Protein backbone atom coordinates (compact mmCIF):
# COMPACT_ATOMS: atom_id res chain seq x y z
CA MET A 1 0.39 0.04 0.11
CA LEU A 2 0.59 3.14 -0.77
CA LYS A 3 0.85 5.41 2.73
CA THR A 4 -0.09 9.36 1.88
CA LYS A 5 0.91 11.54 4.34
CA THR A 6 -2.02 13.43 5.12
CA PHE A 7 -2.90 16.37 8.27
CA LEU A 8 -5.72 14.28 9.84
CA HIS A 9 -3.57 13.55 13.11
CA ILE A 10 -3.68 17.40 14.15
CA GLY A 11 -8.15 17.32 15.63
CA ILE A 12 -9.09 18.88 12.67
CA SER A 13 -12.72 18.51 13.14
CA ALA A 14 -13.98 19.55 9.63
CA ALA A 15 -15.31 16.79 7.30
CA ILE A 16 -11.44 15.79 5.61
CA PRO A 17 -10.80 12.51 3.09
CA VAL A 18 -8.00 10.61 4.98
CA ALA A 19 -6.48 9.89 0.95
CA ALA A 20 -4.61 6.01 1.09
CA LEU A 21 -3.31 5.48 -2.40
CA ILE A 22 -4.29 1.26 -3.32
CA ILE A 23 -1.71 0.76 -6.21
CA SER A 24 -4.47 -1.52 -8.66
CA ASP A 25 -3.74 -4.44 -10.26
CA LYS A 26 -0.87 -4.21 -12.62
CA PRO A 27 -1.93 -3.88 -16.52
CA ASP A 28 -1.35 -6.67 -18.98
CA LYS A 29 2.64 -6.38 -19.89
CA PRO A 30 4.22 -3.73 -21.28
CA GLU A 31 3.52 -1.97 -18.37
CA PRO A 32 3.25 1.95 -20.15
CA ASN A 33 5.36 4.48 -20.45
CA VAL A 34 5.41 7.98 -19.38
CA VAL A 35 5.84 10.96 -21.28
CA PHE A 36 5.98 13.77 -18.75
CA ILE A 37 6.10 16.94 -20.24
CA LEU A 38 6.44 20.44 -18.35
CA LEU A 39 6.33 24.25 -19.66
CA ASP A 40 8.56 26.61 -17.71
CA ASP A 41 6.50 29.64 -16.60
CA PHE A 42 4.17 28.68 -19.37
CA GLY A 43 0.11 30.24 -18.20
CA TYR A 44 -3.33 29.60 -17.67
CA ALA A 45 -4.89 31.07 -20.83
CA ASP A 46 -1.13 30.33 -23.49
CA LEU A 47 -3.23 27.42 -25.11
CA GLY A 48 -6.07 27.00 -27.95
CA CYS A 49 -7.96 25.00 -26.19
CA TYR A 50 -7.08 26.93 -23.38
CA GLY A 51 -8.91 30.22 -24.79
CA SER A 52 -5.25 32.09 -26.92
CA LYS A 53 -6.71 33.84 -29.99
CA PHE A 54 -3.10 35.32 -30.66
CA TYR A 55 -0.37 31.94 -29.66
CA GLU A 56 -0.61 29.18 -31.86
CA THR A 57 -0.64 25.58 -30.57
CA PRO A 58 -2.53 22.88 -33.40
CA ASN A 59 -0.31 19.80 -32.13
CA ILE A 60 -0.98 20.72 -28.11
CA ASP A 61 -4.54 20.83 -29.00
CA MET A 62 -5.13 17.72 -30.75
CA LEU A 63 -3.49 16.42 -27.66
CA ALA A 64 -6.24 17.82 -25.66
CA GLY A 65 -8.49 16.61 -28.30
CA GLU A 66 -7.18 12.73 -27.91
CA GLY A 67 -6.85 12.73 -24.09
CA VAL A 68 -8.50 14.80 -21.30
CA ARG A 69 -8.36 18.03 -19.97
CA PHE A 70 -8.30 19.29 -16.76
CA THR A 71 -9.78 22.84 -15.71
CA ASP A 72 -8.92 23.69 -12.65
CA ALA A 73 -4.96 22.14 -12.23
CA TYR A 74 -2.73 23.89 -9.96
CA ALA A 75 1.07 24.06 -9.78
CA ALA A 76 2.11 23.51 -5.70
CA CYS A 77 4.13 27.18 -5.41
CA PRO A 78 3.43 30.17 -7.66
CA VAL A 79 7.40 30.00 -9.06
CA SER A 80 9.23 26.71 -10.23
CA SER A 81 11.84 25.35 -7.92
CA PRO A 82 8.99 24.90 -5.06
CA THR A 83 6.54 22.55 -7.34
CA ARG A 84 8.97 20.96 -9.50
CA ALA A 85 10.26 18.91 -6.20
CA SER A 86 6.21 18.63 -5.45
CA ILE A 87 6.38 16.94 -8.42
CA MET A 88 9.15 14.62 -8.44
CA THR A 89 8.50 13.53 -4.78
CA GLY A 90 4.50 13.68 -4.47
CA ARG A 91 5.08 16.17 -1.32
CA TYR A 92 4.33 19.92 -1.27
CA PRO A 93 6.76 22.10 -0.78
CA VAL A 94 6.60 22.60 3.05
CA ASN A 95 8.03 19.57 3.12
CA THR A 96 10.26 19.17 1.15
CA GLY A 97 12.07 22.48 2.25
CA ILE A 98 11.68 24.57 -1.40
CA THR A 99 9.82 27.18 -0.68
CA ASP A 100 11.25 29.77 -3.02
CA TRP A 101 13.29 28.86 -6.46
CA THR A 102 16.49 28.54 -6.18
CA PRO A 103 18.49 30.34 -4.53
CA GLY A 104 15.52 33.23 -3.95
CA ARG A 105 15.94 36.63 -3.97
CA GLN A 106 16.64 36.65 -0.62
CA ALA A 107 20.21 35.80 -2.00
CA THR A 108 21.00 38.81 -2.99
CA ASN A 109 18.06 41.21 -1.55
CA SER A 110 16.83 40.30 1.93
CA GLY A 111 15.92 42.69 4.54
CA SER A 112 15.56 45.01 1.60
CA PRO A 113 13.61 48.53 2.62
CA GLU A 114 10.74 47.86 0.81
CA ASP A 115 9.98 44.28 2.29
CA LYS A 116 7.88 45.13 5.60
CA LEU A 117 8.30 41.15 6.39
CA VAL A 118 12.11 39.01 6.06
CA ALA A 119 11.98 35.58 4.59
CA LEU A 120 13.54 32.57 6.18
CA PRO A 121 16.15 30.42 4.89
CA PHE A 122 14.86 27.48 2.84
CA ASN A 123 16.21 24.52 1.42
CA LEU A 124 18.74 25.19 -1.54
CA ASN A 125 18.87 20.78 -2.78
CA MET A 126 16.21 18.76 -2.90
CA LYS A 127 17.61 15.68 0.22
CA LEU A 128 19.28 12.36 -1.53
CA GLU A 129 16.67 11.16 0.90
CA GLU A 130 13.66 11.73 -1.42
CA VAL A 131 12.40 9.23 -2.81
CA THR A 132 11.99 10.88 -6.27
CA ILE A 133 9.33 9.72 -9.18
CA ALA A 134 11.69 8.79 -11.40
CA GLU A 135 13.20 6.65 -8.97
CA ALA A 136 10.23 4.60 -7.63
CA LEU A 137 9.67 3.98 -11.89
CA LYS A 138 13.91 2.35 -11.85
CA LYS A 139 13.04 0.33 -9.14
CA ASN A 140 9.97 -1.06 -10.80
CA GLY A 141 12.33 -1.82 -14.01
CA TYR A 142 11.15 1.70 -15.67
CA THR A 143 15.04 3.32 -17.75
CA THR A 144 13.94 6.92 -17.34
CA MET A 145 15.98 10.14 -18.74
CA ILE A 146 15.57 13.85 -17.91
CA SER A 147 15.45 16.68 -21.15
CA GLY A 148 16.01 20.24 -19.89
CA LYS A 149 15.72 22.19 -16.61
CA TRP A 150 15.84 20.69 -12.94
CA HIS A 151 16.54 23.31 -11.08
CA LEU A 152 16.89 21.47 -7.82
CA GLY A 153 20.07 21.71 -6.53
CA GLU A 154 23.29 24.37 -6.50
CA THR A 155 25.97 21.49 -6.58
CA GLU A 156 26.26 18.41 -8.55
CA GLU A 157 25.67 15.62 -6.18
CA TYR A 158 21.88 17.24 -6.49
CA TRP A 159 21.37 16.51 -9.90
CA PRO A 160 19.04 14.55 -11.62
CA GLU A 161 21.70 11.58 -12.06
CA ASN A 162 21.87 11.29 -8.00
CA GLN A 163 17.69 11.91 -8.16
CA GLY A 164 16.55 8.00 -10.28
CA PHE A 165 17.51 9.28 -14.04
CA ASP A 166 19.83 7.35 -16.16
CA VAL A 167 19.78 9.79 -18.68
CA ASN A 168 20.74 13.86 -18.43
CA LYS A 169 19.98 16.02 -21.11
CA GLY A 170 20.94 19.20 -20.23
CA GLY A 171 19.82 19.35 -16.00
CA PHE A 172 21.96 21.53 -13.80
CA SER A 173 21.18 24.23 -10.99
CA LYS A 174 20.27 26.83 -13.11
CA GLY A 175 16.54 27.55 -13.64
CA SER A 176 16.77 29.27 -17.06
CA PRO A 177 19.16 29.31 -20.31
CA VAL A 178 22.56 30.82 -19.56
CA ARG A 179 23.25 33.67 -21.46
CA ASN A 180 26.39 35.64 -20.87
CA LYS A 181 29.50 36.30 -22.79
CA GLU A 182 29.89 32.36 -23.85
CA ALA A 183 26.60 31.40 -23.84
CA ASP A 184 23.95 32.57 -26.54
CA GLY A 185 20.33 31.32 -24.07
CA TYR A 186 18.03 29.48 -26.30
CA PHE A 187 20.74 28.99 -29.31
CA SER A 188 24.10 27.20 -29.05
CA PRO A 189 26.05 27.51 -27.25
CA TYR A 190 24.42 26.72 -24.83
CA GLY A 191 26.75 26.93 -21.03
CA ASN A 192 25.24 24.05 -19.57
CA PRO A 193 27.18 21.81 -18.08
CA ARG A 194 25.00 18.24 -19.38
CA LEU A 195 24.38 19.30 -22.30
CA GLU A 196 26.93 19.65 -25.06
CA ASP A 197 26.59 22.24 -27.49
CA GLY A 198 25.69 21.58 -31.00
CA PRO A 199 25.65 23.24 -33.88
CA LYS A 200 25.65 27.86 -33.71
CA GLY A 201 22.42 28.49 -33.51
CA GLU A 202 20.45 25.20 -33.02
CA TYR A 203 17.50 26.17 -30.91
CA LEU A 204 17.48 24.75 -27.55
CA THR A 205 13.45 24.09 -27.51
CA ASP A 206 14.42 21.89 -31.38
CA ARG A 207 17.55 19.77 -29.19
CA GLN A 208 15.34 18.88 -25.97
CA THR A 209 13.22 17.27 -28.40
CA ASP A 210 15.51 15.45 -30.38
CA GLU A 211 17.37 14.33 -27.22
CA THR A 212 13.49 12.67 -26.44
CA ILE A 213 13.09 11.21 -29.30
CA ARG A 214 16.48 9.43 -29.94
CA PHE A 215 16.36 8.45 -25.60
CA ILE A 216 13.06 6.91 -26.89
CA GLU A 217 14.35 5.06 -30.38
CA THR A 218 16.41 3.49 -28.29
CA SER A 219 14.45 2.52 -25.29
CA LYS A 220 11.06 1.61 -26.65
CA ASN A 221 11.66 -2.07 -25.88
CA LYS A 222 10.58 -1.49 -22.35
CA PRO A 223 8.72 0.72 -20.27
CA PHE A 224 11.04 4.84 -20.24
CA PHE A 225 9.57 7.32 -17.96
CA VAL A 226 10.70 10.50 -19.60
CA TYR A 227 10.88 13.87 -18.52
CA LEU A 228 10.33 16.33 -20.40
CA SER A 229 11.43 19.52 -18.68
CA TYR A 230 11.15 22.03 -21.78
CA TYR A 231 13.34 25.26 -20.31
CA ALA A 232 10.85 27.38 -22.82
CA VAL A 233 9.31 30.17 -22.08
CA HIS A 234 11.04 31.44 -19.29
CA ASN A 235 13.19 34.04 -19.57
CA PRO A 236 15.36 34.98 -21.78
CA MET A 237 13.04 36.11 -24.31
CA GLN A 238 14.29 34.40 -27.43
CA ALA A 239 12.75 32.90 -30.55
CA LYS A 240 13.80 32.40 -34.23
CA ASP A 241 13.29 35.22 -36.17
CA GLU A 242 10.69 33.63 -38.62
CA HIS A 243 8.63 33.06 -36.32
CA ILE A 244 8.94 36.08 -35.01
CA ARG A 245 7.95 36.96 -38.16
CA LYS A 246 4.92 35.19 -38.35
CA PHE A 247 3.71 36.75 -35.33
CA THR A 248 4.57 39.83 -35.93
CA GLU A 249 2.38 40.21 -38.49
CA LYS A 250 -0.44 38.54 -37.23
CA ALA A 251 0.18 40.62 -34.52
CA GLU A 252 -0.49 43.88 -36.73
CA ALA A 253 -3.42 41.92 -38.79
CA MET A 254 -5.46 41.69 -35.51
CA GLY A 255 -4.73 45.36 -34.86
CA LEU A 256 -2.99 44.31 -31.29
CA ASP A 257 0.26 46.62 -31.88
CA LYS A 258 -2.25 49.92 -31.39
CA THR A 259 -3.51 48.11 -28.67
CA GLU A 260 -2.16 49.13 -25.16
CA ALA A 261 -1.00 46.00 -24.16
CA PHE A 262 -0.11 47.39 -20.43
CA THR A 263 -1.29 48.76 -17.06
CA ARG A 264 0.06 50.11 -13.53
CA ASP A 265 -3.26 50.39 -12.54
CA ARG A 266 -3.03 47.81 -9.99
CA ASP A 267 -3.64 48.82 -6.61
CA TRP A 268 0.03 46.52 -5.80
CA ILE A 269 1.68 48.47 -7.74
CA ARG A 270 2.60 51.48 -5.74
CA PRO A 271 4.35 54.95 -6.91
CA SER A 272 8.00 54.41 -5.74
CA MET A 273 7.50 50.91 -8.23
CA SER A 274 9.95 50.81 -11.32
CA ASN A 275 8.30 50.50 -14.48
CA ASN A 276 9.10 46.92 -13.95
CA TYR A 277 6.57 46.40 -12.25
CA LYS A 278 3.74 46.31 -15.01
CA GLU A 279 0.59 43.93 -15.76
CA ARG A 280 0.47 42.89 -18.78
CA ILE A 281 -2.97 42.28 -19.72
CA ILE A 282 -3.39 41.49 -23.53
CA GLN A 283 -1.93 38.28 -24.87
CA SER A 284 0.56 40.39 -28.18
CA TYR A 285 4.08 39.18 -27.69
CA PRO A 286 5.72 38.23 -30.90
CA VAL A 287 8.82 36.78 -29.03
CA TYR A 288 6.63 35.12 -26.19
CA ALA A 289 4.22 33.34 -29.16
CA ALA A 290 6.60 32.58 -31.31
CA MET A 291 8.84 30.39 -28.59
CA ILE A 292 5.00 28.61 -27.99
CA TRP A 293 4.96 28.21 -31.87
CA SER A 294 8.42 26.21 -31.31
CA ILE A 295 7.30 24.34 -28.62
CA ASP A 296 3.73 22.75 -29.97
CA GLU A 297 6.01 21.69 -32.81
CA ASN A 298 8.32 19.77 -31.42
CA ILE A 299 5.49 17.98 -29.33
CA GLY A 300 4.06 17.10 -32.79
CA ARG A 301 7.26 15.76 -33.27
CA LEU A 302 7.79 13.88 -30.65
CA LEU A 303 3.72 12.97 -30.63
CA LYS A 304 4.65 11.66 -34.33
CA LYS A 305 7.15 10.03 -33.53
CA ILE A 306 5.70 7.92 -31.02
CA ARG A 307 2.80 6.61 -33.69
CA GLU A 308 5.93 5.92 -36.12
CA LEU A 309 7.19 3.43 -33.26
CA ASN A 310 4.18 2.25 -32.86
CA ILE A 311 4.09 2.97 -28.95
CA GLU A 312 1.55 5.29 -28.84
CA LYS A 313 -1.29 2.57 -27.33
CA ASN A 314 1.49 2.37 -24.02
CA THR A 315 2.33 5.64 -23.91
CA ILE A 316 1.03 8.04 -21.02
CA ILE A 317 1.62 11.13 -22.26
CA ILE A 318 0.96 14.34 -19.36
CA PHE A 319 1.23 18.22 -19.95
CA THR A 320 1.18 20.75 -17.49
CA SER A 321 3.66 23.69 -16.61
CA ASP A 322 5.53 24.65 -12.87
CA ASN A 323 3.73 27.54 -12.54
CA GLY A 324 1.53 30.69 -14.25
CA GLY A 325 2.40 32.89 -16.22
CA LEU A 326 5.06 35.77 -15.98
CA SER A 327 2.62 38.93 -16.37
CA THR A 328 3.62 42.10 -13.63
CA SER A 329 7.43 42.38 -13.90
CA GLU A 330 10.95 41.45 -15.72
CA GLY A 331 8.94 41.96 -19.19
CA SER A 332 5.55 40.63 -18.33
CA PRO A 333 5.56 38.91 -22.13
CA THR A 334 2.14 37.06 -21.32
CA SER A 335 -1.36 37.87 -19.93
CA ASN A 336 -3.18 35.23 -18.06
CA ALA A 337 -7.11 37.07 -18.82
CA PRO A 338 -9.55 35.89 -16.98
CA LEU A 339 -7.27 34.77 -13.99
CA ARG A 340 -5.80 37.36 -11.65
CA GLU A 341 -2.01 38.76 -11.53
CA GLY A 342 0.34 35.67 -12.80
CA LYS A 343 3.82 34.09 -11.60
CA GLY A 344 4.95 34.33 -8.45
CA TRP A 345 1.23 35.33 -6.66
CA LEU A 346 -0.96 33.21 -4.74
CA TYR A 347 -4.35 34.40 -6.90
CA GLU A 348 -5.44 32.51 -10.08
CA GLY A 349 -3.22 33.58 -12.64
CA GLY A 350 -0.32 32.06 -10.31
CA ILE A 351 -0.46 28.66 -9.88
CA ARG A 352 -3.67 28.04 -12.06
CA VAL A 353 -1.67 25.63 -14.83
CA PRO A 354 -2.91 23.86 -17.69
CA LEU A 355 -2.98 20.80 -17.26
CA ILE A 356 -3.69 18.03 -20.46
CA ILE A 357 -3.36 13.90 -20.03
CA LYS A 358 -3.30 10.73 -22.68
CA TYR A 359 -4.31 7.83 -20.96
CA PRO A 360 -4.21 5.26 -23.63
CA GLY A 361 -7.19 2.84 -22.89
CA ARG A 362 -9.01 4.21 -20.26
CA SER A 363 -9.59 8.00 -21.06
CA LYS A 364 -12.68 8.82 -23.20
CA ALA A 365 -10.59 12.02 -25.87
CA GLY A 366 -12.16 15.15 -25.41
CA THR A 367 -13.51 14.71 -22.18
CA ILE A 368 -12.89 18.11 -19.71
CA ILE A 369 -12.51 17.53 -15.67
CA LYS A 370 -13.78 20.45 -13.54
CA THR A 371 -12.39 18.75 -10.12
CA PRO A 372 -8.91 20.84 -8.77
CA VAL A 373 -5.64 18.20 -8.47
CA SER A 374 -2.73 19.39 -7.93
CA SER A 375 1.11 19.03 -8.82
CA ILE A 376 1.54 17.14 -5.73
CA ASP A 377 -0.80 13.94 -7.09
CA TYR A 378 1.24 13.31 -10.38
CA PHE A 379 3.87 11.05 -8.21
CA THR A 380 0.58 8.78 -6.63
CA THR A 381 -1.38 8.61 -10.20
CA ILE A 382 1.64 7.75 -11.71
CA LEU A 383 2.04 4.46 -9.58
CA GLU A 384 -1.75 3.62 -10.47
CA MET A 385 -1.46 3.93 -13.97
CA THR A 386 1.35 2.23 -14.43
CA GLY A 387 0.95 -0.26 -12.11
CA THR A 388 4.25 0.13 -9.89
CA LYS A 389 4.15 -1.56 -6.39
CA GLY A 390 6.01 1.23 -3.56
CA SER A 391 6.07 0.32 -0.62
CA ASP A 392 5.94 3.51 2.40
CA TYR A 393 5.85 6.14 0.24
CA LYS A 394 5.45 9.41 1.34
CA THR A 395 3.00 11.81 0.03
CA ASP A 396 0.61 14.55 0.49
CA GLY A 397 -0.96 13.22 -3.04
CA ILE A 398 -3.05 11.31 -4.07
CA SER A 399 -3.67 9.02 -7.10
CA PHE A 400 -6.86 10.80 -9.88
CA VAL A 401 -6.71 8.03 -11.87
CA GLN A 402 -10.89 7.30 -10.61
CA LEU A 403 -11.66 11.08 -12.50
CA PHE A 404 -10.78 9.14 -16.25
CA LYS A 405 -13.99 6.87 -15.07
CA LYS A 406 -15.93 10.20 -13.03
CA ASP A 407 -15.72 13.45 -12.52
CA ARG A 408 -16.14 13.04 -8.95
CA MET A 409 -13.75 13.04 -5.81
CA PRO A 410 -14.55 13.94 -2.46
CA GLU A 411 -13.80 17.37 -1.70
CA ARG A 412 -10.49 18.23 -0.27
CA PRO A 413 -8.75 20.71 0.27
CA LEU A 414 -5.30 22.01 -1.34
CA PHE A 415 -2.66 24.03 0.45
CA TRP A 416 -0.08 27.08 -0.91
CA HIS A 417 2.51 28.09 1.40
CA TYR A 418 4.21 31.31 -0.08
CA PRO A 419 6.46 33.00 2.18
CA HIS A 420 8.60 34.79 -0.01
CA TYR A 421 9.30 38.10 -1.79
CA SER A 422 9.82 37.18 -5.54
CA ASN A 423 10.52 38.63 -8.70
CA GLN A 424 7.20 40.03 -9.80
CA GLY A 425 6.03 42.84 -7.10
CA VAL A 426 4.87 39.61 -5.05
CA GLU A 427 2.89 39.65 -1.53
CA PRO A 428 4.20 36.52 0.65
CA GLY A 429 1.59 34.64 2.39
CA SER A 430 -1.01 31.17 2.05
CA ALA A 431 -3.85 29.80 0.70
CA ILE A 432 -6.01 27.45 0.47
CA ARG A 433 -8.91 26.22 -1.71
CA LEU A 434 -11.66 23.97 -0.81
CA GLY A 435 -14.34 23.46 -2.86
CA ARG A 436 -16.12 26.21 -4.30
CA TYR A 437 -13.75 28.68 -2.24
CA LYS A 438 -10.49 30.09 -1.63
CA LEU A 439 -8.90 32.22 0.85
CA ILE A 440 -5.82 33.99 0.92
CA ASP A 441 -3.52 34.97 3.78
CA ASN A 442 -1.57 37.78 3.72
CA PHE A 443 1.27 38.49 5.27
CA GLU A 444 1.78 41.97 4.55
CA ARG A 445 -1.72 43.48 5.04
CA GLU A 446 -2.25 40.70 8.04
CA ARG A 447 -6.02 39.93 6.08
CA GLN A 448 -7.55 36.72 4.46
CA GLU A 449 -9.32 37.09 1.48
CA LEU A 450 -12.08 35.17 0.36
CA TYR A 451 -13.26 34.34 -3.21
CA ASP A 452 -15.87 32.20 -4.70
CA LEU A 453 -14.08 30.68 -7.88
CA GLU A 454 -16.98 29.42 -9.32
CA HIS A 455 -18.41 33.13 -9.92
CA ASP A 456 -15.83 34.68 -9.81
CA ILE A 457 -12.36 32.83 -11.68
CA SER A 458 -11.04 36.79 -12.28
CA GLU A 459 -10.90 37.04 -8.14
CA THR A 460 -12.56 40.63 -8.61
CA LYS A 461 -14.02 40.65 -5.26
CA ASP A 462 -13.19 40.07 -1.55
CA ILE A 463 -16.19 38.31 0.01
CA SER A 464 -14.98 37.32 2.99
CA SER A 465 -17.10 40.32 5.16
CA GLN A 466 -19.63 38.53 3.47
CA TYR A 467 -18.61 35.17 4.51
CA PRO A 468 -17.07 35.44 8.01
CA ASP A 469 -18.26 32.02 9.19
CA LYS A 470 -16.33 30.19 5.95
CA THR A 471 -13.42 32.75 5.86
CA LYS A 472 -13.28 31.34 9.26
CA GLU A 473 -13.57 27.65 8.63
CA LEU A 474 -11.65 28.28 5.92
CA PHE A 475 -8.22 29.77 8.16
CA THR A 476 -8.26 27.99 10.60
CA LEU A 477 -8.06 24.61 8.53
CA LEU A 478 -4.77 26.41 7.15
CA LYS A 479 -3.67 27.67 10.24
CA ASP A 480 -3.58 24.11 11.69
CA TRP A 481 -1.97 22.79 8.43
CA ARG A 482 0.70 25.27 8.23
CA LYS A 483 1.64 24.26 12.41
CA SER A 484 0.67 20.40 11.46
CA THR A 485 3.84 20.82 8.38
CA ASN A 486 5.83 23.60 10.47
CA ALA A 487 5.87 25.92 8.00
CA LYS A 488 8.18 28.34 8.22
CA MET A 489 6.76 32.01 8.25
CA MET A 490 8.22 35.48 8.19
CA GLU A 491 9.98 37.90 10.83
CA PRO A 492 9.76 42.06 11.33
CA ASN A 493 12.25 43.49 9.08
CA PRO A 494 14.34 46.35 10.93
CA LYS A 495 15.61 47.94 7.97
CA TRP A 496 11.29 48.25 6.55
CA ASN A 497 10.68 52.15 5.66
CA GLY A 498 6.39 51.85 6.12
CA ILE A 499 6.30 52.82 2.77
CA LYS A 500 3.26 50.25 2.05
């Protein structure tokens, strides 16, 4: 039996289900292959099948048509490293100790006079004692590969080859492509110690897919797990010239080049904040669109190769993102509308992400699932999908395989804890979603916000004063969860200049 950690031992009286996954009988051999595609900083609304009118994603849209599309899927954190650790381990960031991207803003800017609070230190490496999904599958006969971003260890001993991956092509300490005098970001030379340089000008998204296809071709006769962790669409914004031209012309044809793309009319943007902080309100940036186009082209190539190798019916495809799209700083390349804010924030734009799964023989093509799920659930879900038996893997998530039969599970709370200032103008806090309601505990403003996501997906109306009992119920659950997990909080900043 796979034992799943819960917070029920802390005496919460509300009806919260015990989640204990019982692995189903192993399917007929060969065991299904798993290709887990993770995008970086890719927003909920960045796909055609999720409503984008400017970006073009025909291959991913086709995958959604052949598989299942989730409307309420979440990243465990609004920034990269914590979510990636949760995917690998099935554990909340507070339980891995990685609660911010590594090494985090506080590595160079902790205790700034603009910050009312000070973040406490957090783990910069995913501990080797953690059991990763790659290790669990490898123990059960799978060959494993990572192609791309890791961002879960500052030094080599914590890199993918020591965390269950037989093949590592591109995974090391950095969270974005290296761009300096010796390396050119998304174009070779890469300056990546785990990826040999290609011909000058080779595009990184193409190369990651090439490496994945080569691995699948050599591993097709036994079960494999591929973690295709694209660096795109993280900064720096770089794309092929011909694709940039394509979307520049499209923006002009749509009149988007004459439409104001940004606003600073937001209550979180103080007059003292630099012009770096601005919120994009429409999708219109050709370079970002071109990067998405390259991703889609390459996923199309990958899916075609899987069909050609005649392993399509035995290969599970999972497609998602590590957090919401970057929309409030550092160029603000995308808009997450109708969701509020983006990367770094606990509003929906920062944590709600696209999720598409093709589960051959188990899922009905074109199905839409509305039940909330989280990146803490992938570990247990993949184990059940593959019939992998484990012993005492402690996780915080549950398997959602049952949703492929019927879009219904016992209601459960999902939690977030982000006690940090990041680079997006973020106000630190915690959050909980239970059913249709979501509560955010804003540490800096010392207040709780309550939203009804069923009727207000854009989180425009704080209803905490209208529903004090619901606010109290969720806040109590959140505080009890923080206590049960020993979640680190923040401390007052003695250098704070008093400006809010």
